[in-house]
């Protein structure tokens, strides 16, 4: 399922990162790598704030939909 559908506060394992090559590289640089753990902190209108690799990152709905957990 996409990251936008993940429950708040529940750790999830990243299964796949989709999108164009440049989008994948951008997300990988933020810490969204296959096998990594990501936890949704809050969600507002599909935009999410997540904990990934001991950092908090805010991403938009379109980016979050490309991250499968």
N, C-alpha and C. Protein backbone atom coordinates (compact mmCIF):
# COMPACT_ATOMS: atom_id res chain seq x y z
N UNK A 1 0.84 -1.18 0.00
CA UNK A 1 0.00 0.00 0.00
C UNK A 1 0.89 1.24 0.00
N UNK A 2 0.39 2.35 -0.51
CA UNK A 2 1.19 3.57 -0.50
C UNK A 2 1.31 4.15 0.91
N UNK A 3 2.35 4.92 1.13
CA UNK A 3 2.62 5.51 2.44
C UNK A 3 1.46 6.38 2.93
N UNK A 4 0.70 6.97 2.02
CA UNK A 4 -0.43 7.83 2.41
C UNK A 4 -1.52 7.04 3.14
N UNK A 5 -1.55 5.72 2.98
CA UNK A 5 -2.58 4.89 3.63
C UNK A 5 -2.08 4.25 4.92
N UNK A 6 -0.82 4.47 5.28
CA UNK A 6 -0.26 3.87 6.49
C UNK A 6 -0.86 4.52 7.74
N UNK A 7 -0.99 3.73 8.80
CA UNK A 7 -1.53 4.24 10.06
C UNK A 7 -0.49 5.09 10.77
N UNK A 8 -0.96 6.13 11.44
CA UNK A 8 -0.08 7.01 12.21
C UNK A 8 0.50 6.26 13.40
N UNK A 9 1.81 6.39 13.60
CA UNK A 9 2.48 5.80 14.75
C UNK A 9 2.90 4.35 14.59
N UNK A 10 2.60 3.74 13.45
CA UNK A 10 2.94 2.33 13.24
C UNK A 10 4.15 2.24 12.31
N UNK A 11 5.26 1.62 12.77
CA UNK A 11 6.42 1.48 11.89
C UNK A 11 6.11 0.56 10.70
N UNK A 12 6.56 0.97 9.51
CA UNK A 12 6.35 0.19 8.29
C UNK A 12 7.68 0.01 7.58
N UNK A 13 7.82 -1.12 6.89
CA UNK A 13 9.01 -1.38 6.09
C UNK A 13 8.74 -0.93 4.67
N UNK A 14 9.69 -0.20 4.09
CA UNK A 14 9.55 0.28 2.71
C UNK A 14 9.79 -0.90 1.78
N UNK A 15 8.80 -1.22 0.95
CA UNK A 15 8.89 -2.34 0.01
C UNK A 15 9.46 -1.90 -1.33
N UNK A 16 9.05 -0.68 -1.78
CA UNK A 16 9.46 -0.23 -3.11
C UNK A 16 9.30 1.28 -3.19
N UNK A 17 10.19 1.92 -3.94
CA UNK A 17 10.09 3.34 -4.22
C UNK A 17 9.91 3.49 -5.72
N UNK A 18 8.79 4.08 -6.15
CA UNK A 18 8.49 4.20 -7.56
C UNK A 18 8.76 5.60 -8.09
N UNK A 19 8.43 5.81 -9.34
CA UNK A 19 8.60 7.11 -9.97
C UNK A 19 9.77 7.14 -10.92
N UNK A 20 10.05 8.32 -11.46
CA UNK A 20 11.17 8.50 -12.37
C UNK A 20 12.48 8.33 -11.61
N UNK A 21 13.56 8.13 -12.35
CA UNK A 21 14.87 7.90 -11.73
C UNK A 21 15.28 9.07 -10.83
N UNK A 22 15.03 10.29 -11.28
CA UNK A 22 15.41 11.45 -10.47
C UNK A 22 14.59 11.53 -9.19
N UNK A 23 13.32 11.12 -9.26
CA UNK A 23 12.47 11.09 -8.07
C UNK A 23 12.96 10.05 -7.08
N UNK A 24 13.33 8.86 -7.59
CA UNK A 24 13.86 7.80 -6.73
C UNK A 24 15.12 8.26 -6.02
N UNK A 25 16.02 8.91 -6.76
CA UNK A 25 17.28 9.40 -6.16
C UNK A 25 16.99 10.42 -5.07
N UNK A 26 16.05 11.34 -5.33
CA UNK A 26 15.68 12.36 -4.36
C UNK A 26 15.18 11.71 -3.07
N UNK A 27 14.26 10.74 -3.21
CA UNK A 27 13.71 10.06 -2.03
C UNK A 27 14.77 9.23 -1.31
N UNK A 28 15.67 8.59 -2.07
CA UNK A 28 16.75 7.82 -1.44
C UNK A 28 17.66 8.73 -0.63
N UNK A 29 17.93 9.92 -1.13
CA UNK A 29 18.77 10.87 -0.40
C UNK A 29 18.11 11.33 0.90
N UNK A 30 16.78 11.32 0.94
CA UNK A 30 16.06 11.66 2.17
C UNK A 30 16.02 10.49 3.15
N UNK A 31 16.38 9.28 2.69
CA UNK A 31 16.40 8.10 3.56
C UNK A 31 15.35 7.06 3.23
N UNK A 32 14.58 7.27 2.17
CA UNK A 32 13.54 6.32 1.78
C UNK A 32 14.15 5.25 0.88
N UNK A 33 14.73 4.22 1.49
CA UNK A 33 15.36 3.14 0.75
C UNK A 33 14.61 1.84 1.02
N UNK A 34 14.63 0.93 0.05
CA UNK A 34 13.96 -0.36 0.20
C UNK A 34 14.52 -1.09 1.42
N UNK A 35 13.62 -1.57 2.26
CA UNK A 35 14.01 -2.26 3.48
C UNK A 35 14.11 -1.35 4.69
N UNK A 36 14.05 -0.04 4.48
CA UNK A 36 14.12 0.91 5.59
C UNK A 36 12.80 0.98 6.35
N UNK A 37 12.88 1.49 7.56
CA UNK A 37 11.69 1.62 8.41
C UNK A 37 11.23 3.07 8.37
N UNK A 38 9.92 3.26 8.17
CA UNK A 38 9.34 4.59 8.13
C UNK A 38 8.08 4.58 9.00
N UNK A 39 7.90 5.66 9.78
CA UNK A 39 6.73 5.79 10.65
C UNK A 39 6.05 7.12 10.37
N UNK A 40 4.76 7.08 10.10
CA UNK A 40 3.99 8.30 9.86
C UNK A 40 3.75 8.98 11.21
N UNK A 41 4.16 10.25 11.32
CA UNK A 41 3.95 11.02 12.54
C UNK A 41 2.61 11.74 12.49
N UNK A 42 2.33 12.39 11.35
CA UNK A 42 1.03 13.04 11.18
C UNK A 42 0.69 13.12 9.70
N UNK A 43 -0.60 13.29 9.43
CA UNK A 43 -1.10 13.33 8.05
C UNK A 43 -2.16 14.41 7.95
N UNK A 44 -2.00 15.31 6.97
CA UNK A 44 -2.99 16.36 6.73
C UNK A 44 -3.25 16.42 5.24
N UNK A 45 -4.47 16.08 4.84
CA UNK A 45 -4.87 16.11 3.43
C UNK A 45 -3.96 15.29 2.52
N UNK A 46 -3.44 14.18 3.01
CA UNK A 46 -2.56 13.34 2.20
C UNK A 46 -1.09 13.68 2.32
N UNK A 47 -0.77 14.91 2.77
CA UNK A 47 0.61 15.28 3.02
C UNK A 47 1.02 14.68 4.36
N UNK A 48 2.23 14.12 4.43
CA UNK A 48 2.62 13.40 5.64
C UNK A 48 3.93 13.91 6.20
N UNK A 49 4.05 13.80 7.52
CA UNK A 49 5.32 13.99 8.21
C UNK A 49 5.70 12.61 8.73
N UNK A 50 6.92 12.17 8.40
CA UNK A 50 7.34 10.82 8.76
C UNK A 50 8.69 10.85 9.49
N UNK A 51 8.91 9.82 10.29
CA UNK A 51 10.23 9.55 10.87
C UNK A 51 10.90 8.53 9.98
N UNK A 52 12.07 8.87 9.47
CA UNK A 52 12.85 7.94 8.66
C UNK A 52 14.32 8.18 8.97
N UNK A 53 15.03 7.12 9.32
CA UNK A 53 16.46 7.22 9.67
C UNK A 53 16.72 8.29 10.72
N UNK A 54 15.98 8.28 11.81
CA UNK A 54 16.15 9.21 12.92
C UNK A 54 15.96 10.67 12.54
N UNK A 55 15.22 10.95 11.48
CA UNK A 55 14.93 12.32 11.06
C UNK A 55 13.44 12.44 10.77
N UNK A 56 12.93 13.65 10.92
CA UNK A 56 11.54 13.92 10.52
C UNK A 56 11.57 14.60 9.17
N UNK A 57 10.75 14.08 8.26
CA UNK A 57 10.71 14.60 6.89
C UNK A 57 9.24 14.83 6.53
N UNK A 58 8.96 15.98 5.93
CA UNK A 58 7.61 16.26 5.43
C UNK A 58 7.62 16.07 3.92
N UNK A 59 6.68 15.28 3.41
CA UNK A 59 6.57 15.07 1.97
C UNK A 59 5.13 15.22 1.53
N UNK A 60 4.94 15.63 0.30
CA UNK A 60 3.62 15.83 -0.26
C UNK A 60 2.95 14.52 -0.63
N UNK A 61 1.67 14.61 -0.92
CA UNK A 61 0.88 13.43 -1.26
C UNK A 61 1.43 12.70 -2.47
N UNK A 62 1.83 13.43 -3.52
CA UNK A 62 2.31 12.78 -4.73
C UNK A 62 3.58 11.97 -4.47
N UNK A 63 4.49 12.50 -3.66
CA UNK A 63 5.71 11.76 -3.31
C UNK A 63 5.37 10.56 -2.42
N UNK A 64 4.49 10.77 -1.44
CA UNK A 64 4.12 9.70 -0.52
C UNK A 64 3.43 8.54 -1.24
N UNK A 65 2.70 8.83 -2.31
CA UNK A 65 2.04 7.78 -3.07
C UNK A 65 3.03 6.91 -3.84
N UNK A 66 4.24 7.38 -4.05
CA UNK A 66 5.27 6.62 -4.76
C UNK A 66 6.04 5.67 -3.84
N UNK A 67 5.84 5.81 -2.54
CA UNK A 67 6.55 4.97 -1.56
C UNK A 67 5.60 3.88 -1.11
N UNK A 68 5.93 2.63 -1.43
CA UNK A 68 5.09 1.49 -1.06
C UNK A 68 5.62 0.84 0.21
N UNK A 69 4.70 0.59 1.14
CA UNK A 69 5.07 -0.06 2.40
C UNK A 69 4.30 -1.35 2.59
